[in-house]
Amino acid sequence: MEDYSVECSGCVVLECKGCQEKLILLGHEEDWREEGLTTFACGRCGRGLALPDDRADEEALAAKES
């Protein structure tokens, strides 16, 4: 069995407005759009998340990590 790996070019963080759960998408927003994927389901409450409407405030996330 061969191992495959893909270098991550970045990430997008979506935040559910209902339960504040975070969803991390590997790659750039443009990558997901090219694949035709712009809506996702929250893993906690099932609410629909959309690019770019539900993008998390990345500055606020950085401050929380500090």
N, C-alpha and C. Protein backbone atom coordinates (compact mmCIF):
# COMPACT_ATOMS: atom_id res chain seq x y z
N MET A 1 0.85 -1.18 0.00
CA MET A 1 0.00 0.00 0.00
C MET A 1 0.89 1.24 0.00
N GLU A 2 0.63 2.14 -0.92
CA GLU A 2 1.41 3.37 -1.02
C GLU A 2 0.79 4.48 -0.19
N ASP A 3 1.66 5.32 0.34
CA ASP A 3 1.19 6.51 1.05
C ASP A 3 1.18 7.68 0.09
N TYR A 4 0.14 8.47 0.18
CA TYR A 4 0.03 9.68 -0.63
C TYR A 4 -0.07 10.87 0.30
N SER A 5 0.57 11.94 -0.08
CA SER A 5 0.46 13.16 0.70
C SER A 5 0.31 14.34 -0.25
N VAL A 6 -0.34 15.34 0.25
CA VAL A 6 -0.57 16.57 -0.51
C VAL A 6 -0.14 17.72 0.37
N GLU A 7 0.66 18.60 -0.18
CA GLU A 7 1.09 19.76 0.58
C GLU A 7 -0.07 20.75 0.70
N CYS A 8 -0.32 21.20 1.90
CA CYS A 8 -1.42 22.13 2.15
C CYS A 8 -0.98 23.54 1.77
N SER A 9 -1.78 24.19 0.93
CA SER A 9 -1.44 25.54 0.48
C SER A 9 -2.02 26.63 1.38
N GLY A 10 -2.73 26.25 2.38
CA GLY A 10 -3.36 27.22 3.27
C GLY A 10 -4.59 26.60 3.89
N CYS A 11 -5.39 27.40 4.55
CA CYS A 11 -6.64 26.88 5.10
C CYS A 11 -7.65 28.01 5.27
N VAL A 12 -8.90 27.59 5.34
CA VAL A 12 -10.01 28.49 5.57
C VAL A 12 -10.72 27.98 6.82
N VAL A 13 -11.07 28.88 7.72
CA VAL A 13 -11.80 28.48 8.93
C VAL A 13 -13.20 29.08 8.85
N LEU A 14 -14.20 28.19 8.92
CA LEU A 14 -15.59 28.63 8.98
C LEU A 14 -16.05 28.49 10.41
N GLU A 15 -16.93 29.39 10.85
CA GLU A 15 -17.46 29.33 12.21
C GLU A 15 -18.97 29.33 12.15
N CYS A 16 -19.57 28.37 12.83
CA CYS A 16 -21.03 28.26 12.90
C CYS A 16 -21.57 29.40 13.75
N LYS A 17 -22.54 30.12 13.21
CA LYS A 17 -23.14 31.22 13.97
C LYS A 17 -24.09 30.71 15.04
N GLY A 18 -24.49 29.43 14.92
CA GLY A 18 -25.40 28.87 15.91
C GLY A 18 -24.68 28.37 17.16
N CYS A 19 -23.62 27.55 16.99
CA CYS A 19 -22.97 26.93 18.15
C CYS A 19 -21.49 27.29 18.28
N GLN A 20 -20.97 28.11 17.39
CA GLN A 20 -19.57 28.57 17.39
C GLN A 20 -18.54 27.46 17.10
N GLU A 21 -19.00 26.31 16.63
CA GLU A 21 -18.09 25.24 16.20
C GLU A 21 -17.26 25.75 15.02
N LYS A 22 -16.00 25.35 14.94
CA LYS A 22 -15.11 25.75 13.85
C LYS A 22 -14.95 24.58 12.88
N LEU A 23 -14.93 24.88 11.60
CA LEU A 23 -14.67 23.89 10.56
C LEU A 23 -13.46 24.37 9.78
N ILE A 24 -12.41 23.58 9.74
CA ILE A 24 -11.18 23.95 9.04
C ILE A 24 -11.15 23.25 7.70
N LEU A 25 -11.07 24.04 6.64
CA LEU A 25 -10.96 23.52 5.27
C LEU A 25 -9.53 23.71 4.82
N LEU A 26 -8.86 22.64 4.42
CA LEU A 26 -7.50 22.76 3.93
C LEU A 26 -7.51 23.27 2.50
N GLY A 27 -6.62 24.20 2.20
CA GLY A 27 -6.57 24.82 0.87
C GLY A 27 -7.13 26.23 0.95
N HIS A 28 -7.09 26.91 -0.17
CA HIS A 28 -7.61 28.28 -0.26
C HIS A 28 -9.09 28.26 -0.65
N GLU A 29 -9.77 29.35 -0.36
CA GLU A 29 -11.19 29.45 -0.72
C GLU A 29 -11.39 29.22 -2.21
N GLU A 30 -10.48 29.73 -3.03
CA GLU A 30 -10.59 29.56 -4.48
C GLU A 30 -10.53 28.08 -4.87
N ASP A 31 -9.73 27.27 -4.13
CA ASP A 31 -9.65 25.84 -4.40
C ASP A 31 -11.01 25.18 -4.23
N TRP A 32 -11.70 25.53 -3.16
CA TRP A 32 -13.02 24.94 -2.89
C TRP A 32 -14.04 25.40 -3.92
N ARG A 33 -13.95 26.67 -4.31
CA ARG A 33 -14.88 27.18 -5.33
C ARG A 33 -14.68 26.47 -6.66
N GLU A 34 -13.42 26.24 -7.04
CA GLU A 34 -13.13 25.52 -8.29
C GLU A 34 -13.73 24.12 -8.28
N GLU A 35 -13.79 23.49 -7.12
CA GLU A 35 -14.37 22.15 -6.97
C GLU A 35 -15.90 22.20 -6.89
N GLY A 36 -16.46 23.42 -6.85
CA GLY A 36 -17.91 23.58 -6.76
C GLY A 36 -18.45 23.36 -5.35
N LEU A 37 -17.57 23.43 -4.35
CA LEU A 37 -17.97 23.22 -2.96
C LEU A 37 -17.95 24.56 -2.22
N THR A 38 -19.13 25.08 -1.92
CA THR A 38 -19.21 26.35 -1.21
C THR A 38 -20.10 26.27 0.02
N THR A 39 -20.77 25.15 0.23
CA THR A 39 -21.60 24.97 1.43
C THR A 39 -21.20 23.69 2.14
N PHE A 40 -21.24 23.76 3.47
CA PHE A 40 -20.81 22.66 4.32
C PHE A 40 -21.76 22.58 5.50
N ALA A 41 -21.78 21.44 6.19
CA ALA A 41 -22.62 21.29 7.38
C ALA A 41 -21.77 21.35 8.64
N CYS A 42 -22.27 22.05 9.63
CA CYS A 42 -21.61 22.10 10.93
C CYS A 42 -21.61 20.69 11.52
N GLY A 43 -20.47 20.26 12.01
CA GLY A 43 -20.36 18.92 12.59
C GLY A 43 -21.06 18.77 13.92
N ARG A 44 -21.36 19.87 14.58
CA ARG A 44 -22.01 19.81 15.90
C ARG A 44 -23.52 19.93 15.78
N CYS A 45 -24.02 20.98 15.13
CA CYS A 45 -25.47 21.21 15.12
C CYS A 45 -26.12 20.98 13.75
N GLY A 46 -25.30 20.80 12.71
CA GLY A 46 -25.85 20.51 11.38
C GLY A 46 -26.23 21.73 10.57
N ARG A 47 -26.08 22.93 11.12
CA ARG A 47 -26.41 24.16 10.39
C ARG A 47 -25.54 24.27 9.15
N GLY A 48 -26.09 24.84 8.10
CA GLY A 48 -25.33 25.05 6.87
C GLY A 48 -24.33 26.19 7.02
N LEU A 49 -23.10 25.95 6.56
CA LEU A 49 -22.06 26.98 6.56
C LEU A 49 -21.71 27.27 5.11
N ALA A 50 -21.48 28.53 4.79
CA ALA A 50 -21.22 28.91 3.41
C ALA A 50 -19.97 29.77 3.30
N LEU A 51 -19.26 29.57 2.19
CA LEU A 51 -18.15 30.45 1.83
C LEU A 51 -18.72 31.66 1.13
N PRO A 52 -18.32 32.86 1.36
CA PRO A 52 -17.46 33.35 2.43
C PRO A 52 -18.24 33.82 3.64
N ASP A 53 -19.57 33.66 3.62
CA ASP A 53 -20.43 34.24 4.67
C ASP A 53 -20.06 33.82 6.09
N ASP A 54 -19.61 32.60 6.27
CA ASP A 54 -19.35 32.09 7.61
C ASP A 54 -17.87 31.96 7.94
N ARG A 55 -17.03 32.71 7.20
CA ARG A 55 -15.60 32.69 7.52
C ARG A 55 -15.37 33.26 8.89
N ALA A 56 -14.53 32.58 9.67
CA ALA A 56 -14.20 33.05 11.02
C ALA A 56 -13.30 34.27 10.91
N ASP A 57 -13.36 35.12 11.90
CA ASP A 57 -12.48 36.27 11.99
C ASP A 57 -11.10 35.75 12.36
N GLU A 58 -10.19 35.68 11.39
CA GLU A 58 -8.89 35.07 11.61
C GLU A 58 -8.03 35.86 12.61
N GLU A 59 -8.23 37.16 12.72
CA GLU A 59 -7.51 37.94 13.73
C GLU A 59 -7.97 37.55 15.13
N ALA A 60 -9.27 37.33 15.29
CA ALA A 60 -9.79 36.92 16.59
C ALA A 60 -9.30 35.52 16.93
N LEU A 61 -9.24 34.63 15.95
CA LEU A 61 -8.73 33.29 16.20
C LEU A 61 -7.27 33.32 16.64
N ALA A 62 -6.47 34.17 16.01
CA ALA A 62 -5.05 34.28 16.37
C ALA A 62 -4.92 34.79 17.82
N ALA A 63 -5.76 35.71 18.22
CA ALA A 63 -5.70 36.25 19.57
C ALA A 63 -6.08 35.17 20.60
N LYS A 64 -7.04 34.30 20.27
CA LYS A 64 -7.46 33.23 21.17
C LYS A 64 -6.34 32.20 21.35
N GLU A 65 -5.55 31.98 20.29
CA GLU A 65 -4.49 30.99 20.34
C GLU A 65 -3.30 31.46 21.18
N SER A 66 -3.15 32.78 21.32
CA SER A 66 -2.00 33.34 22.06
C SER A 66 -2.09 33.13 23.54
